[in-house]
PDB file of all heavy atoms in Angstrom:
ATOM      1  N   ARG A   1       0.839  -1.204   0.000  1.00  0.00           N
ATOM      2  CA  ARG A   1       0.000   0.000   0.000  1.00  0.00           C
ATOM      3  C   ARG A   1       0.871   1.250   0.000  1.00  0.00           C
ATOM      4  O   ARG A   1       0.581   2.230  -0.709  1.00  0.00           O
ATOM      5  CB  ARG A   1      -0.937  -0.022   1.204  1.00  0.00           C
ATOM      6  CG  ARG A   1      -2.047   1.023   1.125  1.00  0.00           C
ATOM      7  CD  ARG A   1      -3.132   0.757   2.153  1.00  0.00           C
ATOM      8  NE  ARG A   1      -2.605   0.735   3.510  1.00  0.00           N
ATOM      9  CZ  ARG A   1      -2.686  -0.321   4.328  1.00  0.00           C
ATOM     10  NH1 ARG A   1      -3.276  -1.431   3.925  1.00  0.00           N
ATOM     11  NH2 ARG A   1      -2.200  -0.269   5.552  1.00  0.00           N
ATOM     12  N   ALA A   2       1.946   1.247   0.771  1.00  0.00           N
ATOM     13  CA  ALA A   2       2.825   2.413   0.849  1.00  0.00           C
ATOM     14  C   ALA A   2       3.488   2.707  -0.499  1.00  0.00           C
ATOM     15  O   ALA A   2       3.638   3.862  -0.894  1.00  0.00           O
ATOM     16  CB  ALA A   2       3.886   2.202   1.926  1.00  0.00           C
ATOM     17  N   ARG A   3       3.881   1.661  -1.197  1.00  0.00           N
ATOM     18  CA  ARG A   3       4.532   1.840  -2.502  1.00  0.00           C
ATOM     19  C   ARG A   3       3.533   1.908  -3.656  1.00  0.00           C
ATOM     20  O   ARG A   3       3.933   2.138  -4.791  1.00  0.00           O
ATOM     21  CB  ARG A   3       5.505   0.674  -2.770  1.00  0.00           C
ATOM     22  CG  ARG A   3       6.833   0.823  -2.066  1.00  0.00           C
ATOM     23  CD  ARG A   3       7.796  -0.276  -2.501  1.00  0.00           C
ATOM     24  NE  ARG A   3       8.079  -0.281  -3.933  1.00  0.00           N
ATOM     25  CZ  ARG A   3       8.985   0.495  -4.533  1.00  0.00           C
ATOM     26  NH1 ARG A   3       9.665   1.378  -3.824  1.00  0.00           N
ATOM     27  NH2 ARG A   3       9.193   0.409  -5.829  1.00  0.00           N
ATOM     28  N   GLU A   4       2.274   1.666  -3.351  1.00  0.00           N
ATOM     29  CA  GLU A   4       1.257   1.564  -4.404  1.00  0.00           C
ATOM     30  C   GLU A   4       1.681   0.526  -5.447  1.00  0.00           C
ATOM     31  O   GLU A   4       1.618   0.744  -6.658  1.00  0.00           O
ATOM     32  CB  GLU A   4       1.006   2.918  -5.065  1.00  0.00           C
ATOM     33  CG  GLU A   4       0.419   3.945  -4.097  1.00  0.00           C
ATOM     34  CD  GLU A   4       0.030   5.238  -4.795  1.00  0.00           C
ATOM     35  OE1 GLU A   4       0.813   5.717  -5.652  1.00  0.00           O
ATOM     36  OE2 GLU A   4      -1.051   5.764  -4.500  1.00  0.00           O
ATOM     37  N   THR A   5       2.115  -0.625  -4.945  1.00  0.00           N
ATOM     38  CA  THR A   5       2.493  -1.732  -5.816  1.00  0.00           C
ATOM     39  C   THR A   5       1.298  -2.236  -6.600  1.00  0.00           C
ATOM     40  O   THR A   5       1.423  -2.625  -7.764  1.00  0.00           O
ATOM     41  CB  THR A   5       3.108  -2.864  -4.975  1.00  0.00           C
ATOM     42  OG1 THR A   5       4.286  -2.370  -4.318  1.00  0.00           O
ATOM     43  CG2 THR A   5       3.467  -4.067  -5.823  1.00  0.00           C
ATOM     44  N   VAL A   6       0.154  -2.262  -5.947  1.00  0.00           N
ATOM     45  CA  VAL A   6      -1.100  -2.560  -6.641  1.00  0.00           C
ATOM     46  C   VAL A   6      -2.005  -1.353  -6.471  1.00  0.00           C
ATOM     47  O   VAL A   6      -2.024  -0.722  -5.414  1.00  0.00           O
ATOM     48  CB  VAL A   6      -1.777  -3.836  -6.112  1.00  0.00           C
ATOM     49  CG1 VAL A   6      -1.018  -5.065  -6.551  1.00  0.00           C
ATOM     50  CG2 VAL A   6      -1.904  -3.818  -4.603  1.00  0.00           C
ATOM     51  N   ILE A   7      -2.721  -1.034  -7.531  1.00  0.00           N
ATOM     52  CA  ILE A   7      -3.543   0.177  -7.553  1.00  0.00           C
ATOM     53  C   ILE A   7      -4.922  -0.171  -8.113  1.00  0.00           C
ATOM     54  O   ILE A   7      -5.109  -1.233  -8.715  1.00  0.00           O
ATOM     55  CB  ILE A   7      -2.886   1.279  -8.404  1.00  0.00           C
ATOM     56  CG1 ILE A   7      -2.594   0.759  -9.814  1.00  0.00           C
ATOM     57  CG2 ILE A   7      -1.608   1.792  -7.743  1.00  0.00           C
ATOM     58  CD1 ILE A   7      -1.978   1.756 -10.754  1.00  0.00           C
ATOM     59  N   VAL A   8      -5.855   0.717  -7.916  1.00  0.00           N
ATOM     60  CA  VAL A   8      -7.204   0.533  -8.451  1.00  0.00           C
ATOM     61  C   VAL A   8      -7.354   1.406  -9.692  1.00  0.00           C
ATOM     62  O   VAL A   8      -7.130   2.611  -9.640  1.00  0.00           O
ATOM     63  CB  VAL A   8      -8.273   0.891  -7.400  1.00  0.00           C
ATOM     64  CG1 VAL A   8      -9.661   0.789  -8.012  1.00  0.00           C
ATOM     65  CG2 VAL A   8      -8.152  -0.039  -6.187  1.00  0.00           C
ATOM     66  N   VAL A   9      -7.707   0.777 -10.805  1.00  0.00           N
ATOM     67  CA  VAL A   9      -7.914   1.466 -12.070  1.00  0.00           C
ATOM     68  C   VAL A   9      -9.348   1.206 -12.510  1.00  0.00           C
ATOM     69  O   VAL A   9      -9.710   0.056 -12.788  1.00  0.00           O
ATOM     70  CB  VAL A   9      -6.925   0.981 -13.146  1.00  0.00           C
ATOM     71  CG1 VAL A   9      -7.168   1.715 -14.462  1.00  0.00           C
ATOM     72  CG2 VAL A   9      -5.486   1.182 -12.680  1.00  0.00           C
ATOM     73  N   ASP A  10     -10.148   2.232 -12.536  1.00  0.00           N
ATOM     74  CA  ASP A  10     -11.551   2.101 -12.928  1.00  0.00           C
ATOM     75  C   ASP A  10     -12.258   1.017 -12.107  1.00  0.00           C
ATOM     76  O   ASP A  10     -13.014   0.211 -12.637  1.00  0.00           O
ATOM     77  CB  ASP A  10     -11.659   1.800 -14.428  1.00  0.00           C
ATOM     78  CG  ASP A  10     -13.074   2.017 -14.965  1.00  0.00           C
ATOM     79  OD1 ASP A  10     -13.843   2.756 -14.323  1.00  0.00           O
ATOM     80  OD2 ASP A  10     -13.414   1.426 -15.997  1.00  0.00           O
ATOM     81  N   GLY A  11     -11.971   0.997 -10.820  1.00  0.00           N
ATOM     82  CA  GLY A  11     -12.635   0.068  -9.922  1.00  0.00           C
ATOM     83  C   GLY A  11     -12.045  -1.320  -9.885  1.00  0.00           C
ATOM     84  O   GLY A  11     -12.557  -2.192  -9.168  1.00  0.00           O
ATOM     85  N   ALA A  12     -10.971  -1.572 -10.633  1.00  0.00           N
ATOM     86  CA  ALA A  12     -10.367  -2.902 -10.686  1.00  0.00           C
ATOM     87  C   ALA A  12      -8.936  -2.854 -10.155  1.00  0.00           C
ATOM     88  O   ALA A  12      -8.168  -1.948 -10.491  1.00  0.00           O
ATOM     89  CB  ALA A  12     -10.372  -3.436 -12.108  1.00  0.00           C
ATOM     90  N   LEU A  13      -8.580  -3.832  -9.329  1.00  0.00           N
ATOM     91  CA  LEU A  13      -7.230  -3.907  -8.775  1.00  0.00           C
ATOM     92  C   LEU A  13      -6.254  -4.369  -9.848  1.00  0.00           C
ATOM     93  O   LEU A  13      -6.501  -5.361 -10.542  1.00  0.00           O
ATOM     94  CB  LEU A  13      -7.217  -4.878  -7.596  1.00  0.00           C
ATOM     95  CG  LEU A  13      -5.974  -4.842  -6.694  1.00  0.00           C
ATOM     96  CD1 LEU A  13      -5.905  -3.523  -5.938  1.00  0.00           C
ATOM     97  CD2 LEU A  13      -5.993  -6.015  -5.720  1.00  0.00           C
ATOM     98  N   GLN A  14      -5.149  -3.637  -9.988  1.00  0.00           N
ATOM     99  CA  GLN A  14      -4.130  -3.960 -10.979  1.00  0.00           C
ATOM    100  C   GLN A  14      -2.752  -3.704 -10.405  1.00  0.00           C
ATOM    101  O   GLN A  14      -2.591  -2.904  -9.486  1.00  0.00           O
ATOM    102  CB  GLN A  14      -4.297  -3.097 -12.239  1.00  0.00           C
ATOM    103  CG  GLN A  14      -5.590  -3.282 -12.987  1.00  0.00           C
ATOM    104  CD  GLN A  14      -5.561  -2.556 -14.327  1.00  0.00           C
ATOM    105  OE1 GLN A  14      -4.526  -2.056 -14.766  1.00  0.00           O
ATOM    106  NE2 GLN A  14      -6.708  -2.508 -14.990  1.00  0.00           N
ATOM    107  N   PRO A  15      -1.711  -4.359 -10.968  1.00  0.00           N
ATOM    108  CA  PRO A  15      -0.349  -4.000 -10.580  1.00  0.00           C
ATOM    109  C   PRO A  15       0.020  -2.649 -11.172  1.00  0.00           C
ATOM    110  O   PRO A  15      -0.385  -2.319 -12.295  1.00  0.00           O
ATOM    111  CB  PRO A  15       0.499  -5.120 -11.187  1.00  0.00           C
ATOM    112  CG  PRO A  15      -0.300  -5.584 -12.365  1.00  0.00           C
ATOM    113  CD  PRO A  15      -1.740  -5.450 -11.957  1.00  0.00           C
ATOM    114  N   ALA A  16       0.780  -1.872 -10.430  1.00  0.00           N
ATOM    115  CA  ALA A  16       1.268  -0.599 -10.957  1.00  0.00           C
ATOM    116  C   ALA A  16       2.399  -0.858 -11.945  1.00  0.00           C
ATOM    117  O   ALA A  16       3.064  -1.893 -11.888  1.00  0.00           O
ATOM    118  CB  ALA A  16       1.757   0.281  -9.813  1.00  0.00           C
ATOM    119  N   PRO A  17       2.633   0.070 -12.872  1.00  0.00           N
ATOM    120  CA  PRO A  17       3.790  -0.087 -13.764  1.00  0.00           C
ATOM    121  C   PRO A  17       5.079  -0.207 -12.964  1.00  0.00           C
ATOM    122  O   PRO A  17       5.247   0.433 -11.925  1.00  0.00           O
ATOM    123  CB  PRO A  17       3.765   1.217 -14.582  1.00  0.00           C
ATOM    124  CG  PRO A  17       2.337   1.649 -14.563  1.00  0.00           C
ATOM    125  CD  PRO A  17       1.822   1.265 -13.205  1.00  0.00           C
ATOM    126  N   ALA A  18       5.994  -1.024 -13.450  1.00  0.00           N
ATOM    127  CA  ALA A  18       7.270  -1.236 -12.777  1.00  0.00           C
ATOM    128  C   ALA A  18       8.343  -1.471 -13.843  1.00  0.00           C
ATOM    129  O   ALA A  18       8.037  -1.952 -14.933  1.00  0.00           O
ATOM    130  CB  ALA A  18       7.169  -2.434 -11.830  1.00  0.00           C
ATOM    131  N   PRO A  19       9.617  -1.134 -13.547  1.00  0.00           N
ATOM    132  CA  PRO A  19      10.102  -0.529 -12.312  1.00  0.00           C
ATOM    133  C   PRO A  19       9.798   0.961 -12.246  1.00  0.00           C
ATOM    134  O   PRO A  19       9.168   1.517 -13.154  1.00  0.00           O
ATOM    135  CB  PRO A  19      11.605  -0.784 -12.387  1.00  0.00           C
ATOM    136  CG  PRO A  19      11.906  -0.790 -13.854  1.00  0.00           C
ATOM    137  CD  PRO A  19      10.710  -1.415 -14.499  1.00  0.00           C
ATOM    138  N   ARG A  20      10.277   1.611 -11.173  1.00  0.00           N
ATOM    139  CA  ARG A  20      10.035   3.037 -10.971  1.00  0.00           C
ATOM    140  C   ARG A  20      11.202   3.847 -11.545  1.00  0.00           C
ATOM    141  O   ARG A  20      12.348   3.414 -11.502  1.00  0.00           O
ATOM    142  CB  ARG A  20       9.888   3.350  -9.474  1.00  0.00           C
ATOM    143  CG  ARG A  20       8.960   2.400  -8.707  1.00  0.00           C
ATOM    144  CD  ARG A  20       7.515   2.558  -9.116  1.00  0.00           C
ATOM    145  NE  ARG A  20       6.649   1.564  -8.495  1.00  0.00           N
ATOM    146  CZ  ARG A  20       6.105   1.688  -7.295  1.00  0.00           C
ATOM    147  NH1 ARG A  20       6.359   2.748  -6.548  1.00  0.00           N
ATOM    148  NH2 ARG A  20       5.308   0.736  -6.823  1.00  0.00           N
ATOM    149  N   PHE A  21      10.887   5.013 -12.059  1.00  0.00           N
ATOM    150  CA  PHE A  21      11.906   5.887 -12.649  1.00  0.00           C
ATOM    151  C   PHE A  21      11.842   7.253 -11.985  1.00  0.00           C
ATOM    152  O   PHE A  21      10.766   7.833 -11.853  1.00  0.00           O
ATOM    153  CB  PHE A  21      11.687   6.022 -14.157  1.00  0.00           C
ATOM    154  CG  PHE A  21      11.846   4.733 -14.906  1.00  0.00           C
ATOM    155  CD1 PHE A  21      10.777   3.855 -15.034  1.00  0.00           C
ATOM    156  CD2 PHE A  21      13.061   4.386 -15.471  1.00  0.00           C
ATOM    157  CE1 PHE A  21      10.916   2.660 -15.711  1.00  0.00           C
ATOM    158  CE2 PHE A  21      13.214   3.198 -16.154  1.00  0.00           C
ATOM    159  CZ  PHE A  21      12.135   2.332 -16.281  1.00  0.00           C
ATOM    160  N   SER A  22      13.007   7.794 -11.604  1.00  0.00           N
ATOM    161  CA  SER A  22      13.032   9.054 -10.867  1.00  0.00           C
ATOM    162  C   SER A  22      12.782  10.259 -11.765  1.00  0.00           C
ATOM    163  O   SER A  22      12.126  11.220 -11.355  1.00  0.00           O
ATOM    164  CB  SER A  22      14.379   9.215 -10.149  1.00  0.00           C
ATOM    165  OG  SER A  22      15.448   9.242 -11.083  1.00  0.00           O
ATOM    166  N   ALA A  23      13.289  10.233 -12.991  1.00  0.00           N
ATOM    167  CA  ALA A  23      13.178  11.403 -13.864  1.00  0.00           C
ATOM    168  C   ALA A  23      12.034  11.294 -14.868  1.00  0.00           C
ATOM    169  O   ALA A  23      11.514  12.316 -15.317  1.00  0.00           O
ATOM    170  CB  ALA A  23      14.496  11.615 -14.614  1.00  0.00           C
ATOM    171  N   THR A  24      11.657  10.075 -15.231  1.00  0.00           N
ATOM    172  CA  THR A  24      10.603   9.889 -16.239  1.00  0.00           C
ATOM    173  C   THR A  24       9.566   8.897 -15.723  1.00  0.00           C
ATOM    174  O   THR A  24       9.444   7.791 -16.252  1.00  0.00           O
ATOM    175  CB  THR A  24      11.192   9.380 -17.564  1.00  0.00           C
ATOM    176  OG1 THR A  24      11.944   8.174 -17.306  1.00  0.00           O
ATOM    177  CG2 THR A  24      12.090  10.419 -18.206  1.00  0.00           C
ATOM    178  N   PRO A  25       8.838   9.254 -14.690  1.00  0.00           N
ATOM    179  CA  PRO A  25       7.872   8.305 -14.117  1.00  0.00           C
ATOM    180  C   PRO A  25       6.767   7.957 -15.103  1.00  0.00           C
ATOM    181  O   PRO A  25       6.374   8.772 -15.934  1.00  0.00           O
ATOM    182  CB  PRO A  25       7.318   9.066 -12.908  1.00  0.00           C
ATOM    183  CG  PRO A  25       7.530  10.506 -13.230  1.00  0.00           C
ATOM    184  CD  PRO A  25       8.800  10.563 -14.002  1.00  0.00           C
ATOM    185  N   ALA A  26       6.291   6.714 -14.988  1.00  0.00           N
ATOM    186  CA  ALA A  26       5.198   6.264 -15.843  1.00  0.00           C
ATOM    187  C   ALA A  26       3.890   6.907 -15.401  1.00  0.00           C
ATOM    188  O   ALA A  26       3.690   7.209 -14.221  1.00  0.00           O
ATOM    189  CB  ALA A  26       5.082   4.745 -15.787  1.00  0.00           C
ATOM    190  N   ALA A  27       2.997   7.107 -16.350  1.00  0.00           N
ATOM    191  CA  ALA A  27       1.680   7.654 -16.036  1.00  0.00           C
ATOM    192  C   ALA A  27       0.810   6.583 -15.402  1.00  0.00           C
ATOM    193  O   ALA A  27       1.102   5.389 -15.482  1.00  0.00           O
ATOM    194  CB  ALA A  27       1.020   8.176 -17.309  1.00  0.00           C
ATOM    195  N   ALA A  28      -0.271   7.013 -14.773  1.00  0.00           N
ATOM    196  CA  ALA A  28      -1.234   6.068 -14.225  1.00  0.00           C
ATOM    197  C   ALA A  28      -1.835   5.259 -15.358  1.00  0.00           C
ATOM    198  O   ALA A  28      -2.140   5.811 -16.424  1.00  0.00           O
ATOM    199  CB  ALA A  28      -2.328   6.814 -13.470  1.00  0.00           C
ATOM    200  N   PRO A  29      -2.009   3.950 -15.181  1.00  0.00           N
ATOM    201  CA  PRO A  29      -2.563   3.126 -16.266  1.00  0.00           C
ATOM    202  C   PRO A  29      -3.984   3.538 -16.623  1.00  0.00           C
ATOM    203  O   PRO A  29      -4.731   4.064 -15.798  1.00  0.00           O
ATOM    204  CB  PRO A  29      -2.539   1.711 -15.671  1.00  0.00           C
ATOM    205  CG  PRO A  29      -1.551   1.763 -14.557  1.00  0.00           C
ATOM    206  CD  PRO A  29      -1.640   3.149 -14.001  1.00  0.00           C
TER     207      PRO A  29
END
């Protein structure tokens, strides 16, 4: 939960994009 490893997208649980990038972070799915 702290890392938002899994997130809710349109009411559905999904894995967040990985890995993480400091300068070019991925957008929310």
